[in-house]
Amino acid sequence: MRQRLPSWFKKKMPDPAHLASMRALFQELSLHTICENAICPNLGDCFSRRTATFLILGNICTRNCTFCAVGKGVPGPLDENEPEHLAEAVDKLELRHVVVTSVSRDDLPDGGASHFARTITLLKERGDDLSIEVLIPDFLGSPGSIETVVAAQPDVINHNVETVSRLYPEVRPQADFQRSLRLIGRVKEMDSSIVTKSGVMVGLGETRDELMQTMQELRGVNCDLLTIGQYLQPSSRHHPVVRYVPPDEFLEYEKTGKDMGFRDVASAPLVRSSFNAAQLYARAKMELRGQQ
């Protein structure tokens, strides 16, 4: 039986007209969003502001993470027009900061890295006033795939470790915590000007000490930005919520993360990977410039 949500998760209902308008645009352009596919609790807020996090490489994932609502199975062929359609949506929505993520595509030789690179290249043609953030899978640790994305020069490369290493066999059985850490570190080694970012969910059964250790390990590979949010169980078939973390504890994590050296930390129950993404990037960029 799923637990009742605490009072701090109450949100106003979004305007149905805003939702319908955004969904019509994505349907017209054959685009997917992680907002819809992952049942994000912030969907109404984002769609009302005419923004979204795009999901590329289709909407079927080759992995079976027990926290994630995205569809799992055998993906279809890549939509070669997807990058152009995404760029068109960015123009129509007049976005100044765009966030692009994907499913894991372990069936593809490069994990979809070249598709990411093509998407980034098309977006960069929109001009210097558009900042580009990509949230990438681990590409099975392939240095070549990571280099392909880095060479396309997005402004931010995000890769979520999602949870503490002890819970990986249960929560992310096809992933590897150390592999994810190495990916973040390699991005900085390849191009130190790119802002690196990661995200963690809490309430999956981790201890406070394990979370602190995870944050320290992320700083150890020069991760710039961190998001911390409450895990919410998408359905009874998914990993249960072990604990709802109170808001004051999230504030403590934010302060601790900043003290550790993260350039910024977004930590609150409803924080997700792209939460206030433009603002987090702007603060990190300002700090990086100050060090040059």
Protein backbone atom coordinates (compact mmCIF):
# COMPACT_ATOMS: atom_id res chain seq x y z
CA MET A 1 0.00 0.00 0.00
CA ARG A 2 1.43 3.37 -1.04
CA GLN A 3 1.91 6.01 1.64
CA ARG A 4 -0.08 9.25 1.70
CA LEU A 5 1.97 12.23 0.52
CA PRO A 6 2.99 14.70 3.24
CA SER A 7 1.37 18.15 3.28
CA TRP A 8 4.42 19.85 1.73
CA PHE A 9 3.70 18.15 -1.63
CA LYS A 10 0.42 20.02 -2.15
CA LYS A 11 0.40 21.99 -5.42
CA LYS A 12 -2.09 24.12 -7.32
CA MET A 13 -3.75 22.48 -10.30
CA PRO A 14 -2.29 23.79 -13.58
CA ASP A 15 -4.35 25.50 -16.24
CA PRO A 16 -5.66 22.71 -18.54
CA ALA A 17 -5.32 25.01 -21.56
CA HIS A 18 -1.55 25.35 -20.99
CA LEU A 19 -1.17 21.58 -20.74
CA ALA A 20 -3.20 21.00 -23.89
CA SER A 21 -1.22 23.60 -25.85
CA MET A 22 2.14 22.08 -24.92
CA ARG A 23 1.01 18.52 -25.57
CA ALA A 24 -0.36 19.53 -28.98
CA LEU A 25 3.02 21.03 -29.92
CA PHE A 26 4.95 17.92 -28.88
CA GLN A 27 2.50 15.67 -30.70
CA GLU A 28 2.74 17.79 -33.85
CA LEU A 29 6.55 17.49 -33.82
CA SER A 30 6.64 13.81 -32.69
CA LEU A 31 8.63 14.75 -29.59
CA HIS A 32 8.76 13.18 -26.14
CA THR A 33 9.37 14.87 -22.80
CA ILE A 34 10.74 13.37 -19.60
CA CYS A 35 8.13 15.50 -17.84
CA GLU A 36 5.36 13.25 -19.15
CA ASN A 37 7.21 9.95 -19.46
CA ALA A 38 8.65 10.07 -15.93
CA ILE A 39 5.42 11.47 -14.39
CA CYS A 40 7.23 14.53 -13.03
CA PRO A 41 5.30 16.30 -10.25
CA ASN A 42 6.43 19.67 -11.67
CA LEU A 43 4.93 19.07 -15.12
CA GLY A 44 2.09 21.54 -14.62
CA ASP A 45 4.41 24.31 -13.44
CA CYS A 46 6.84 23.82 -16.32
CA PHE A 47 4.22 23.48 -19.05
CA SER A 48 2.44 26.59 -17.71
CA ARG A 49 5.73 28.48 -18.19
CA ARG A 50 6.07 26.95 -21.68
CA THR A 51 9.17 24.98 -20.88
CA ALA A 52 9.97 21.27 -20.76
CA THR A 53 12.82 18.78 -20.63
CA PHE A 54 13.04 16.97 -23.94
CA LEU A 55 13.51 13.20 -24.16
CA ILE A 56 15.45 11.98 -27.20
CA LEU A 57 16.40 8.55 -28.59
CA GLY A 58 12.74 7.56 -28.35
CA ASN A 59 10.78 6.84 -25.18
CA ILE A 60 11.60 3.16 -24.58
CA CYS A 61 14.59 2.41 -22.35
CA THR A 62 16.76 -0.70 -22.58
CA ARG A 63 17.32 -0.71 -18.79
CA ASN A 64 15.08 -1.71 -15.92
CA CYS A 65 15.71 0.76 -13.10
CA THR A 66 13.14 0.15 -10.40
CA PHE A 67 12.58 3.84 -9.58
CA CYS A 68 11.78 5.04 -13.10
CA ALA A 69 8.39 5.34 -14.82
CA VAL A 70 9.82 5.58 -18.36
CA GLY A 71 8.75 2.68 -20.59
CA LYS A 72 11.10 -0.30 -20.78
CA GLY A 73 11.61 -2.86 -23.51
CA VAL A 74 12.96 -3.11 -27.03
CA PRO A 75 13.22 0.38 -28.61
CA GLY A 76 12.29 1.12 -32.17
CA PRO A 77 14.64 2.67 -34.75
CA LEU A 78 15.93 6.18 -34.17
CA ASP A 79 13.89 9.06 -35.53
CA GLU A 80 16.50 10.82 -37.66
CA ASN A 81 14.31 13.94 -37.76
CA GLU A 82 14.16 14.22 -33.98
CA PRO A 83 17.02 16.78 -33.63
CA GLU A 84 15.42 19.09 -36.21
CA HIS A 85 12.00 18.77 -34.58
CA LEU A 86 13.49 19.52 -31.18
CA ALA A 87 15.22 22.64 -32.51
CA GLU A 88 11.91 23.74 -34.02
CA ALA A 89 10.18 23.32 -30.65
CA VAL A 90 12.90 25.40 -28.97
CA ASP A 91 12.24 28.18 -31.49
CA LYS A 92 8.47 28.04 -31.02
CA LEU A 93 8.76 28.07 -27.24
CA GLU A 94 11.41 30.84 -27.39
CA LEU A 95 13.57 28.99 -24.87
CA ARG A 96 16.82 30.58 -23.69
CA HIS A 97 18.01 27.50 -21.77
CA VAL A 98 17.15 24.06 -23.11
CA VAL A 99 17.51 20.74 -21.27
CA VAL A 100 17.75 17.53 -23.30
CA THR A 101 17.85 14.05 -21.81
CA SER A 102 17.33 10.54 -23.15
CA VAL A 103 16.50 6.97 -22.40
CA SER A 104 19.42 4.52 -22.18
CA ARG A 105 20.02 2.88 -25.56
CA ASP A 106 22.43 0.03 -24.87
CA ASP A 107 21.33 -1.45 -28.21
CA LEU A 108 23.13 1.29 -30.17
CA PRO A 109 26.89 1.03 -30.85
CA ASP A 110 27.60 4.45 -29.31
CA GLY A 111 24.64 4.48 -26.92
CA GLY A 112 23.13 7.38 -28.83
CA ALA A 113 26.08 9.76 -28.33
CA SER A 114 26.17 10.86 -31.98
CA HIS A 115 22.44 11.64 -31.84
CA PHE A 116 23.10 13.83 -28.80
CA ALA A 117 25.95 15.55 -30.65
CA ARG A 118 23.79 16.25 -33.70
CA THR A 119 21.05 17.67 -31.48
CA ILE A 120 23.53 19.93 -29.69
CA THR A 121 25.02 21.12 -32.98
CA LEU A 122 21.62 22.08 -34.38
CA LEU A 123 20.71 23.90 -31.18
CA LYS A 124 23.98 25.83 -31.17
CA GLU A 125 23.03 27.22 -34.58
CA ARG A 126 20.23 29.11 -32.77
CA GLY A 127 22.85 31.56 -31.47
CA ASP A 128 24.98 32.28 -28.45
CA ASP A 129 22.03 33.44 -26.36
CA LEU A 130 20.77 29.85 -26.06
CA SER A 131 22.45 27.73 -23.37
CA ILE A 132 22.32 23.96 -23.81
CA GLU A 133 22.19 21.39 -21.02
CA VAL A 134 22.25 17.66 -21.68
CA LEU A 135 21.44 14.93 -19.17
CA ILE A 136 23.16 11.87 -20.58
CA PRO A 137 23.12 8.14 -19.84
CA ASP A 138 26.38 6.39 -18.95
CA PHE A 139 27.01 5.01 -22.50
CA LEU A 140 28.29 1.85 -20.75
CA GLY A 141 31.35 3.91 -19.81
CA SER A 142 32.57 4.29 -23.39
CA PRO A 143 35.24 7.07 -23.49
CA GLY A 144 34.57 7.52 -27.20
CA SER A 145 30.87 8.17 -26.65
CA ILE A 146 31.58 10.61 -23.84
CA GLU A 147 34.10 12.41 -26.05
CA THR A 148 31.53 12.67 -28.85
CA VAL A 149 29.16 14.59 -26.57
CA VAL A 150 31.92 16.73 -25.05
CA ALA A 151 33.24 17.65 -28.53
CA ALA A 152 29.79 19.05 -29.42
CA GLN A 153 30.35 21.53 -26.54
CA PRO A 154 27.07 21.82 -24.67
CA ASP A 155 27.17 24.29 -21.80
CA VAL A 156 26.22 21.72 -19.15
CA ILE A 157 26.68 17.96 -19.06
CA ASN A 158 24.58 16.29 -16.39
CA HIS A 159 24.71 12.66 -15.41
CA ASN A 160 22.65 11.57 -12.42
CA VAL A 161 24.10 9.04 -10.02
CA GLU A 162 20.50 8.85 -8.69
CA THR A 163 21.24 7.06 -5.40
CA VAL A 164 23.99 5.78 -3.12
CA SER A 165 26.23 2.95 -4.30
CA ARG A 166 24.80 0.34 -1.87
CA LEU A 167 21.36 0.61 -3.47
CA TYR A 168 22.51 0.23 -7.08
CA PRO A 169 21.85 -3.55 -7.34
CA GLU A 170 18.28 -2.94 -6.19
CA VAL A 171 17.50 0.43 -7.79
CA ARG A 172 19.80 0.59 -10.86
CA PRO A 173 20.72 -3.06 -11.57
CA GLN A 174 22.26 -2.40 -15.01
CA ALA A 175 24.25 0.65 -13.91
CA ASP A 176 27.48 1.03 -11.95
CA PHE A 177 28.11 3.79 -9.42
CA GLN A 178 31.86 4.03 -10.07
CA ARG A 179 31.28 4.10 -13.82
CA SER A 180 28.94 7.06 -13.38
CA LEU A 181 31.50 8.88 -11.24
CA ARG A 182 34.21 8.28 -13.84
CA LEU A 183 31.96 9.71 -16.56
CA ILE A 184 31.54 12.99 -14.68
CA GLY A 185 35.25 13.18 -14.01
CA ARG A 186 36.13 12.48 -17.64
CA VAL A 187 33.96 15.35 -18.85
CA LYS A 188 35.99 17.79 -16.74
CA GLU A 189 39.27 16.23 -17.88
CA MET A 190 38.24 16.56 -21.54
CA ASP A 191 36.92 20.14 -21.29
CA SER A 192 37.14 22.01 -17.99
CA SER A 193 34.93 24.83 -19.34
CA ILE A 194 31.86 22.58 -19.42
CA VAL A 195 29.72 22.76 -16.27
CA THR A 196 29.18 19.30 -14.77
CA LYS A 197 26.11 18.34 -12.82
CA SER A 198 24.55 15.35 -11.08
CA GLY A 199 21.41 14.49 -9.16
CA VAL A 200 20.42 12.28 -6.25
CA MET A 201 17.03 11.06 -5.03
CA VAL A 202 16.45 10.55 -1.32
CA GLY A 203 13.93 8.39 0.48
CA LEU A 204 14.98 5.16 -1.24
CA GLY A 205 16.53 3.66 1.90
CA GLU A 206 19.88 5.46 2.00
CA THR A 207 21.39 6.65 5.28
CA ARG A 208 22.52 10.20 5.91
CA ASP A 209 26.15 9.06 6.08
CA GLU A 210 25.80 7.32 2.71
CA LEU A 211 24.35 10.47 1.17
CA MET A 212 27.20 12.57 2.56
CA GLN A 213 29.71 10.08 1.16
CA THR A 214 28.03 10.23 -2.26
CA MET A 215 28.19 14.03 -2.25
CA GLN A 216 31.87 13.93 -1.31
CA GLU A 217 32.61 11.47 -4.11
CA LEU A 218 30.87 13.74 -6.62
CA ARG A 219 33.00 16.66 -5.47
CA GLY A 220 36.02 14.38 -5.80
CA VAL A 221 35.43 14.25 -9.56
CA ASN A 222 34.87 18.04 -9.75
CA CYS A 223 31.10 17.94 -10.14
CA ASP A 224 29.95 21.59 -10.21
CA LEU A 225 26.20 21.41 -9.58
CA LEU A 226 24.00 19.07 -7.54
CA THR A 227 20.25 18.50 -7.33
CA ILE A 228 18.64 16.58 -4.46
CA GLY A 229 14.95 15.68 -4.47
CA GLN A 230 12.46 13.33 -2.86
CA TYR A 231 11.86 10.01 -4.59
CA LEU A 232 8.18 9.45 -5.39
CA GLN A 233 6.98 5.96 -6.27
CA PRO A 234 5.42 6.03 -9.78
CA SER A 235 3.33 2.89 -9.18
CA SER A 236 3.01 -0.09 -6.87
CA ARG A 237 5.35 -2.02 -9.20
CA HIS A 238 8.24 0.37 -8.52
CA HIS A 239 10.65 0.67 -5.61
CA PRO A 240 8.76 1.79 -2.48
CA VAL A 241 9.32 5.09 -0.72
CA VAL A 242 11.17 4.17 2.46
CA ARG A 243 10.99 7.67 3.94
CA TYR A 244 9.67 11.13 3.18
CA VAL A 245 12.47 13.56 3.99
CA PRO A 246 11.22 16.78 5.66
CA PRO A 247 11.97 20.18 4.05
CA ASP A 248 14.35 21.31 6.80
CA GLU A 249 16.57 18.30 6.14
CA PHE A 250 16.77 19.26 2.47
CA LEU A 251 17.92 22.73 3.52
CA GLU A 252 20.66 21.10 5.60
CA TYR A 253 21.80 19.10 2.56
CA GLU A 254 21.90 22.28 0.48
CA LYS A 255 24.11 24.05 3.01
CA THR A 256 26.36 21.02 3.42
CA GLY A 257 26.76 20.68 -0.35
CA LYS A 258 27.75 24.31 -0.74
CA ASP A 259 30.22 23.94 2.13
CA MET A 260 31.72 20.95 0.28
CA GLY A 261 32.43 23.17 -2.72
CA PHE A 262 29.56 22.59 -5.15
CA ARG A 263 29.06 25.80 -7.12
CA ASP A 264 25.35 25.53 -6.38
CA VAL A 265 22.94 23.00 -4.89
CA ALA A 266 19.17 22.75 -5.40
CA SER A 267 17.74 20.65 -2.58
CA ALA A 268 14.01 20.40 -1.79
CA PRO A 269 11.30 17.72 -1.94
CA LEU A 270 10.15 18.59 -5.47
CA VAL A 271 13.57 19.32 -6.95
CA ARG A 272 14.30 17.35 -10.11
CA SER A 273 17.29 17.32 -12.48
CA SER A 274 16.14 20.31 -14.53
CA PHE A 275 14.73 22.28 -11.56
CA ASN A 276 15.76 25.94 -12.01
CA ALA A 277 18.33 24.65 -14.50
CA ALA A 278 18.98 28.04 -16.11
CA GLN A 279 19.60 29.73 -12.76
CA LEU A 280 21.91 26.97 -11.52
CA TYR A 281 23.90 27.14 -14.75
CA ALA A 282 24.16 30.94 -14.58
CA ARG A 283 25.61 30.80 -11.06
CA ALA A 284 28.11 28.10 -11.98
CA LYS A 285 29.16 29.97 -15.10
CA MET A 286 29.76 33.14 -13.10
CA GLU A 287 32.00 31.30 -10.62
CA LEU A 288 33.94 29.53 -13.37
CA ARG A 289 34.59 32.84 -15.13
CA GLY A 290 35.80 34.33 -11.88
CA GLN A 291 38.46 31.62 -11.62
CA GLN A 292 39.83 32.13 -15.13
